[in-house]
């Protein structure tokens, strides 16, 4: 869970150049996630790491077999997800989509969506959200990954998860929020 960039070049304000920031494979922040997702999140780029003209965050998520990201929406956020390994399904506004390596999904604001690992292996993807906020949620509900320490999953979501969601990147949950089939 280190945050030590491989390279960081300060912007040249006279030429209005942006910053360059390179993370190595073991850099960034990594958190175990509570039920029902379990698995882990790697935060790779976020406004706290680097100066950004338009705030966003990007990272990866890994779901173990049987894990799922509960149905949710982002009120002011566009999200893109690119699936790297494993298989599963996405449900976006009630429509199911097969997940496998190479699938990319764009989910615009206020679209209800969830991701389900219904396979025997891990499901792994890259996520991008703009504006940012998702990385704060993951950090506040998760537990830091510490090299050499065991995987603590499953563990419960914090009692104040709805408050955390409301101030980060989530729309209020509907009364009939879906669970995976």
Protein backbone atom coordinates (compact mmCIF):
# COMPACT_ATOMS: atom_id res chain seq x y z
CA UNK A 1 0.00 0.00 0.00
CA UNK A 2 2.82 2.38 -0.71
CA UNK A 3 2.45 5.63 -2.52
CA UNK A 4 5.89 6.24 -3.88
CA UNK A 5 5.81 7.32 -7.49
CA UNK A 6 8.41 5.92 -9.82
CA UNK A 7 8.62 9.41 -11.34
CA UNK A 8 6.94 12.73 -10.74
CA UNK A 9 7.71 15.87 -12.69
CA UNK A 10 6.35 19.18 -11.40
CA UNK A 11 4.38 21.22 -13.92
CA UNK A 12 6.07 24.08 -15.75
CA UNK A 13 3.49 26.80 -15.03
CA UNK A 14 5.00 29.24 -17.51
CA UNK A 15 4.14 26.88 -20.38
CA UNK A 16 0.94 25.58 -18.72
CA UNK A 17 2.20 22.02 -18.83
CA UNK A 18 0.54 19.42 -16.66
CA UNK A 19 2.30 17.06 -14.32
CA UNK A 20 3.76 13.66 -15.25
CA UNK A 21 3.29 10.92 -12.65
CA UNK A 22 4.36 7.30 -13.10
CA UNK A 23 3.55 4.54 -10.61
CA UNK A 24 5.31 1.22 -10.47
CA UNK A 25 3.39 -2.06 -10.03
CA UNK A 26 3.70 -1.94 -6.22
CA UNK A 27 2.84 1.76 -5.84
CA UNK A 28 -0.51 3.44 -5.17
CA UNK A 29 -2.96 2.41 -2.46
CA UNK A 30 -4.51 -1.04 -2.05
CA UNK A 31 -7.48 -1.96 0.13
CA UNK A 32 -9.35 -5.15 0.99
CA UNK A 33 -13.08 -4.65 0.43
CA UNK A 34 -15.96 -5.66 2.70
CA UNK A 35 -18.88 -7.93 1.84
CA UNK A 36 -20.52 -8.43 -0.58
CA UNK A 37 -17.60 -7.58 -2.89
CA UNK A 38 -14.67 -8.91 -0.87
CA UNK A 39 -11.49 -8.95 -2.96
CA UNK A 40 -9.39 -5.84 -3.29
CA UNK A 41 -9.11 -2.40 -4.86
CA UNK A 42 -5.96 -0.76 -6.16
CA UNK A 43 -6.11 3.03 -6.46
CA UNK A 44 -3.64 4.09 -9.13
CA UNK A 45 -4.39 7.76 -9.89
CA UNK A 46 -6.46 10.23 -7.88
CA UNK A 47 -6.38 13.99 -7.21
CA UNK A 48 -4.52 13.45 -3.93
CA UNK A 49 -1.67 11.84 -5.91
CA UNK A 50 -1.29 14.32 -8.75
CA UNK A 51 -2.46 17.77 -9.89
CA UNK A 52 -5.37 17.33 -12.33
CA UNK A 53 -7.22 19.87 -14.45
CA UNK A 54 -10.40 17.75 -14.37
CA UNK A 55 -10.55 15.51 -11.27
CA UNK A 56 -10.85 11.76 -11.86
CA UNK A 57 -9.64 8.52 -10.34
CA UNK A 58 -8.54 5.23 -11.85
CA UNK A 59 -7.67 1.85 -10.43
CA UNK A 60 -8.35 -1.85 -10.55
CA UNK A 61 -10.73 -4.14 -8.73
CA UNK A 62 -10.53 -7.89 -8.18
CA UNK A 63 -13.56 -9.93 -7.10
CA UNK A 64 -13.15 -13.48 -5.81
CA UNK A 65 -15.58 -16.22 -6.89
CA UNK A 66 -19.03 -15.44 -5.50
CA UNK A 67 -18.20 -11.77 -4.86
CA UNK A 68 -20.29 -8.98 -6.30
CA UNK A 69 -20.46 -5.22 -6.42
CA UNK A 70 -23.98 -4.42 -5.22
CA UNK A 71 -26.33 -2.47 -7.44
CA UNK A 72 -25.61 1.27 -7.31
CA UNK A 73 -25.50 4.48 -9.34
CA UNK A 74 -23.29 7.55 -9.39
CA UNK A 75 -25.28 10.82 -9.47
CA UNK A 76 -22.73 13.10 -11.16
CA UNK A 77 -20.15 10.64 -12.44
CA UNK A 78 -19.29 8.86 -15.67
CA UNK A 79 -17.59 5.50 -15.20
CA UNK A 80 -15.69 3.29 -17.63
CA UNK A 81 -14.68 -0.28 -16.84
CA UNK A 82 -12.36 -2.53 -18.85
CA UNK A 83 -12.33 -6.21 -17.94
CA UNK A 84 -8.86 -7.76 -17.90
CA UNK A 85 -9.28 -11.33 -16.67
CA UNK A 86 -11.92 -13.76 -15.47
CA UNK A 87 -15.60 -13.97 -16.32
CA UNK A 88 -18.87 -12.84 -14.80
CA UNK A 89 -21.80 -10.61 -15.58
CA UNK A 90 -22.75 -6.97 -15.40
CA UNK A 91 -26.32 -5.79 -14.90
CA UNK A 92 -26.95 -2.23 -16.12
CA UNK A 93 -30.48 -0.88 -15.66
CA UNK A 94 -31.72 -4.48 -15.49
CA UNK A 95 -29.97 -5.65 -18.69
CA UNK A 96 -27.34 -8.41 -18.32
CA UNK A 97 -24.02 -8.34 -20.14
CA UNK A 98 -21.39 -11.07 -20.23
CA UNK A 99 -18.02 -10.09 -18.76
CA UNK A 100 -14.81 -11.54 -20.13
CA UNK A 101 -11.35 -10.21 -20.96
CA UNK A 102 -11.52 -7.35 -23.45
CA UNK A 103 -15.07 -6.18 -22.61
CA UNK A 104 -15.36 -2.43 -21.93
CA UNK A 105 -18.46 -0.85 -20.41
CA UNK A 106 -19.29 2.85 -20.13
CA UNK A 107 -21.87 3.69 -17.43
CA UNK A 108 -23.14 7.27 -17.47
CA UNK A 109 -24.46 9.15 -14.46
CA UNK A 110 -27.52 7.80 -12.64
CA UNK A 111 -27.41 4.42 -14.43
CA UNK A 112 -27.95 1.56 -11.95
CA UNK A 113 -25.28 -1.11 -12.33
CA UNK A 114 -23.70 -4.09 -10.59
CA UNK A 115 -20.94 -6.62 -11.30
CA UNK A 116 -21.07 -10.29 -10.35
CA UNK A 117 -18.36 -12.92 -10.32
CA UNK A 118 -20.34 -16.11 -10.93
CA UNK A 119 -17.25 -18.07 -12.03
CA UNK A 120 -14.67 -20.28 -10.33
CA UNK A 121 -11.80 -17.76 -10.74
CA UNK A 122 -11.13 -14.12 -9.93
CA UNK A 123 -12.74 -11.34 -11.99
CA UNK A 124 -10.37 -8.40 -12.53
CA UNK A 125 -10.96 -5.03 -14.19
CA UNK A 126 -9.73 -1.47 -14.60
CA UNK A 127 -12.10 1.32 -13.54
CA UNK A 128 -12.10 5.04 -14.35
CA UNK A 129 -14.52 7.55 -12.82
CA UNK A 130 -14.95 11.27 -13.41
CA UNK A 131 -15.32 13.29 -11.30
CA UNK A 132 -13.43 11.40 -8.66
CA UNK A 133 -14.77 10.22 -5.29
CA UNK A 134 -14.84 6.45 -5.71
CA UNK A 135 -11.30 6.15 -4.38
CA UNK A 136 -12.36 7.86 -1.13
CA UNK A 137 -15.24 5.42 -0.72
CA UNK A 138 -12.94 2.41 -1.25
CA UNK A 139 -10.44 3.71 1.29
CA UNK A 140 -13.08 4.47 3.94
CA UNK A 141 -14.95 1.16 3.71
CA UNK A 142 -11.87 -0.99 3.13
CA UNK A 143 -8.87 -2.15 5.10
CA UNK A 144 -5.32 -1.47 3.92
CA UNK A 145 -3.50 -4.39 2.30
CA UNK A 146 -0.33 -4.95 4.31
CA UNK A 147 2.27 -7.21 2.66
CA UNK A 148 2.69 -10.42 4.64
CA UNK A 149 -0.64 -10.09 6.48
CA UNK A 150 -3.52 -12.46 5.65
CA UNK A 151 -6.62 -11.54 3.64
CA UNK A 152 -9.19 -10.40 6.26
CA UNK A 153 -12.24 -10.99 4.05
CA UNK A 154 -15.04 -11.45 4.64
CA UNK A 155 -15.65 -8.48 6.93
CA UNK A 156 -18.76 -6.27 7.24
CA UNK A 157 -19.30 -2.90 5.67
CA UNK A 158 -19.05 0.00 8.16
CA UNK A 159 -22.25 0.93 9.99
CA UNK A 160 -22.11 4.41 8.38
CA UNK A 161 -21.71 3.11 4.80
CA UNK A 162 -24.73 5.09 3.54
CA UNK A 163 -23.19 8.33 4.88
CA UNK A 164 -19.85 7.45 3.22
CA UNK A 165 -21.64 6.72 -0.07
CA UNK A 166 -23.62 9.98 0.05
CA UNK A 167 -20.52 12.18 0.39
CA UNK A 168 -18.31 10.33 -2.09
CA UNK A 169 -19.73 9.08 -5.40
CA UNK A 170 -23.05 7.29 -4.87
CA UNK A 171 -26.73 8.02 -5.42
CA UNK A 172 -29.08 6.91 -2.62
CA UNK A 173 -29.91 3.20 -2.92
CA UNK A 174 -33.39 2.35 -4.15
CA UNK A 175 -35.71 0.53 -1.77
CA UNK A 176 -35.58 -2.57 -3.98
CA UNK A 177 -31.80 -2.75 -4.57
CA UNK A 178 -30.89 -5.93 -6.43
CA UNK A 179 -28.81 -8.82 -5.21
CA UNK A 180 -27.23 -11.15 -7.76
CA UNK A 181 -29.24 -14.05 -9.14
